[in-house]
Amino acid sequence: VGVPSEVLKIVTEVCPELLLRMYNACLRAGIFAKQWKTACLVLLDKGKGDPNLPSSWRPLCKLDTAGKGFEKPLLLRLLPAIEQAGDLSAKQYVFRKGRSTVHA
């Protein structure tokens, strides 16, 4: 999906300000690129059970690497303000430090 992670790694090493300018432009314009919202579903065989049964497979969603690179700093900027305002439900476990969906 989108730009291969290998290419983004090279760009980050050679010219990190290029990605920074792109992300800052997206922030200023309020844009989250359409391809960053698209996931590629891959089914992984669990290696046990009948492969003809859905329960023998584990879904994995591959997200766009550039989108993930944009989301993390955005989350780090927004989360403290949201938590301080008390706008998160006590049932919100995903993307919160010290919590996971296992606790839900």
C-alpha atoms as a PDB file:
ATOM      1  CA  VAL A   1       0.000   0.000   0.000  1.00  0.00           C
ATOM      2  CA  GLY A   2       1.494   3.382  -0.961  1.00  0.00           C
ATOM      3  CA  VAL A   3       5.228   4.047  -0.898  1.00  0.00           C
ATOM      4  CA  PRO A   4       7.219   0.936   0.077  1.00  0.00           C
ATOM      5  CA  SER A   5       8.707   1.077   3.569  1.00  0.00           C
ATOM      6  CA  GLU A   6      12.176   0.470   2.121  1.00  0.00           C
ATOM      7  CA  VAL A   7      11.899   3.695   0.099  1.00  0.00           C
ATOM      8  CA  LEU A   8      10.685   5.671   3.129  1.00  0.00           C
ATOM      9  CA  LYS A   9      13.602   4.340   5.156  1.00  0.00           C
ATOM     10  CA  ILE A  10      16.083   5.548   2.531  1.00  0.00           C
ATOM     11  CA  VAL A  11      14.366   8.951   2.260  1.00  0.00           C
ATOM     12  CA  THR A  12      14.456   9.277   6.061  1.00  0.00           C
ATOM     13  CA  GLU A  13      18.183   8.520   6.117  1.00  0.00           C
ATOM     14  CA  VAL A  14      19.159  10.659   3.119  1.00  0.00           C
ATOM     15  CA  CYS A  15      16.733  13.591   3.314  1.00  0.00           C
ATOM     16  CA  PRO A  16      14.603  13.493   6.495  1.00  0.00           C
ATOM     17  CA  GLU A  17      13.488  17.109   6.019  1.00  0.00           C
ATOM     18  CA  LEU A  18      11.562  15.997   2.912  1.00  0.00           C
ATOM     19  CA  LEU A  19       9.226  13.821   4.992  1.00  0.00           C
ATOM     20  CA  LEU A  20       9.030  16.481   7.677  1.00  0.00           C
ATOM     21  CA  ARG A  21       7.929  19.078   5.108  1.00  0.00           C
ATOM     22  CA  MET A  22       5.335  16.667   3.710  1.00  0.00           C
ATOM     23  CA  TYR A  23       3.919  15.855   7.158  1.00  0.00           C
ATOM     24  CA  ASN A  24       3.876  19.526   8.191  1.00  0.00           C
ATOM     25  CA  ALA A  25       2.079  20.452   4.955  1.00  0.00           C
ATOM     26  CA  CYS A  26      -0.508  17.754   5.687  1.00  0.00           C
ATOM     27  CA  LEU A  27      -0.971  19.111   9.216  1.00  0.00           C
ATOM     28  CA  ARG A  28      -1.396  22.698   7.998  1.00  0.00           C
ATOM     29  CA  ALA A  29      -3.882  21.660   5.313  1.00  0.00           C
ATOM     30  CA  GLY A  30      -5.733  19.219   7.561  1.00  0.00           C
ATOM     31  CA  ILE A  31      -5.104  16.385   5.124  1.00  0.00           C
ATOM     32  CA  PHE A  32      -4.694  12.695   5.828  1.00  0.00           C
ATOM     33  CA  ALA A  33      -3.931  11.165   2.423  1.00  0.00           C
ATOM     34  CA  LYS A  34      -6.523   8.745   1.083  1.00  0.00           C
ATOM     35  CA  GLN A  35      -3.981   5.956   0.512  1.00  0.00           C
ATOM     36  CA  TRP A  36      -2.920   6.239   4.168  1.00  0.00           C
ATOM     37  CA  LYS A  37      -6.451   5.181   5.151  1.00  0.00           C
ATOM     38  CA  THR A  38      -6.381   2.006   3.071  1.00  0.00           C
ATOM     39  CA  ALA A  39      -5.337  -1.309   4.579  1.00  0.00           C
ATOM     40  CA  CYS A  40      -4.338  -4.497   2.828  1.00  0.00           C
ATOM     41  CA  LEU A  41      -5.843  -7.549   4.504  1.00  0.00           C
ATOM     42  CA  VAL A  42      -3.593 -10.601   4.615  1.00  0.00           C
ATOM     43  CA  LEU A  43      -4.692 -13.915   6.073  1.00  0.00           C
ATOM     44  CA  LEU A  44      -2.048 -15.861   7.987  1.00  0.00           C
ATOM     45  CA  ASP A  45      -2.380 -19.590   8.457  1.00  0.00           C
ATOM     46  CA  LYS A  46      -2.207 -20.389  12.177  1.00  0.00           C
ATOM     47  CA  GLY A  47      -0.565 -23.694  11.260  1.00  0.00           C
ATOM     48  CA  LYS A  48      -3.098 -25.796  13.107  1.00  0.00           C
ATOM     49  CA  GLY A  49      -6.518 -27.091  12.324  1.00  0.00           C
ATOM     50  CA  ASP A  50      -8.338 -27.505   9.043  1.00  0.00           C
ATOM     51  CA  PRO A  51      -7.134 -24.841   6.565  1.00  0.00           C
ATOM     52  CA  ASN A  52     -10.633 -24.820   5.051  1.00  0.00           C
ATOM     53  CA  LEU A  53     -12.066 -23.359   8.275  1.00  0.00           C
ATOM     54  CA  PRO A  54     -11.988 -19.600   8.911  1.00  0.00           C
ATOM     55  CA  SER A  55     -10.862 -20.251  12.509  1.00  0.00           C
ATOM     56  CA  SER A  56      -7.569 -21.627  11.144  1.00  0.00           C
ATOM     57  CA  TRP A  57      -6.594 -18.194   9.838  1.00  0.00           C
ATOM     58  CA  ARG A  58      -5.518 -14.961  11.530  1.00  0.00           C
ATOM     59  CA  PRO A  59      -6.262 -11.630   9.824  1.00  0.00           C
ATOM     60  CA  LEU A  60      -3.479  -9.083   9.528  1.00  0.00           C
ATOM     61  CA  CYS A  61      -4.087  -5.569   8.188  1.00  0.00           C
ATOM     62  CA  LYS A  62      -1.074  -3.958   6.588  1.00  0.00           C
ATOM     63  CA  LEU A  63      -1.290  -0.170   6.826  1.00  0.00           C
ATOM     64  CA  ASP A  64       0.578   2.383   4.767  1.00  0.00           C
ATOM     65  CA  THR A  65       3.994   3.118   6.298  1.00  0.00           C
ATOM     66  CA  ALA A  66       3.892   6.850   5.510  1.00  0.00           C
ATOM     67  CA  GLY A  67       0.494   7.078   7.198  1.00  0.00           C
ATOM     68  CA  LYS A  68       1.783   5.307  10.298  1.00  0.00           C
ATOM     69  CA  GLY A  69       4.740   7.690  10.336  1.00  0.00           C
ATOM     70  CA  PHE A  70       2.296  10.604  10.326  1.00  0.00           C
ATOM     71  CA  GLU A  71      -0.085   9.123  12.921  1.00  0.00           C
ATOM     72  CA  LYS A  72       2.451   8.568  15.707  1.00  0.00           C
ATOM     73  CA  PRO A  73       3.624  12.192  16.143  1.00  0.00           C
ATOM     74  CA  LEU A  74       0.029  13.343  15.702  1.00  0.00           C
ATOM     75  CA  LEU A  75      -1.064  10.991  18.473  1.00  0.00           C
ATOM     76  CA  LEU A  76       1.741  12.241  20.725  1.00  0.00           C
ATOM     77  CA  ARG A  77       0.532  15.818  20.166  1.00  0.00           C
ATOM     78  CA  LEU A  78      -3.180  15.164  20.643  1.00  0.00           C
ATOM     79  CA  LEU A  79      -3.354  12.534  23.364  1.00  0.00           C
ATOM     80  CA  PRO A  80      -2.153  14.688  26.297  1.00  0.00           C
ATOM     81  CA  ALA A  81      -4.721  17.383  25.481  1.00  0.00           C
ATOM     82  CA  ILE A  82      -7.524  14.840  25.072  1.00  0.00           C
ATOM     83  CA  GLU A  83      -6.624  13.052  28.315  1.00  0.00           C
ATOM     84  CA  GLN A  84      -6.353  16.336  30.218  1.00  0.00           C
ATOM     85  CA  ALA A  85      -9.782  17.406  28.962  1.00  0.00           C
ATOM     86  CA  GLY A  86     -11.198  14.052  30.101  1.00  0.00           C
ATOM     87  CA  ASP A  87     -12.655  13.370  26.669  1.00  0.00           C
ATOM     88  CA  LEU A  88     -11.617   9.703  26.497  1.00  0.00           C
ATOM     89  CA  SER A  89     -13.923   6.976  27.666  1.00  0.00           C
ATOM     90  CA  ALA A  90     -12.648   4.732  30.456  1.00  0.00           C
ATOM     91  CA  LYS A  91     -13.347   1.917  27.984  1.00  0.00           C
ATOM     92  CA  GLN A  92     -10.835   3.301  25.464  1.00  0.00           C
ATOM     93  CA  TYR A  93      -7.888   0.895  25.461  1.00  0.00           C
ATOM     94  CA  VAL A  94      -6.326   1.167  22.019  1.00  0.00           C
ATOM     95  CA  PHE A  95      -3.523   3.748  21.563  1.00  0.00           C
ATOM     96  CA  ARG A  96      -3.245   4.405  25.302  1.00  0.00           C
ATOM     97  CA  LYS A  97      -0.063   3.904  27.266  1.00  0.00           C
ATOM     98  CA  GLY A  98      -0.227   0.988  29.701  1.00  0.00           C
ATOM     99  CA  ARG A  99      -3.428  -0.364  28.152  1.00  0.00           C
ATOM    100  CA  SER A 100      -4.183  -2.837  25.424  1.00  0.00           C
ATOM    101  CA  THR A 101      -7.181  -4.565  23.949  1.00  0.00           C
ATOM    102  CA  VAL A 102      -6.304  -7.528  26.202  1.00  0.00           C
ATOM    103  CA  HIS A 103      -7.475  -5.408  29.166  1.00  0.00           C
ATOM    104  CA  ALA A 104     -10.808  -4.550  27.514  1.00  0.00           C
END
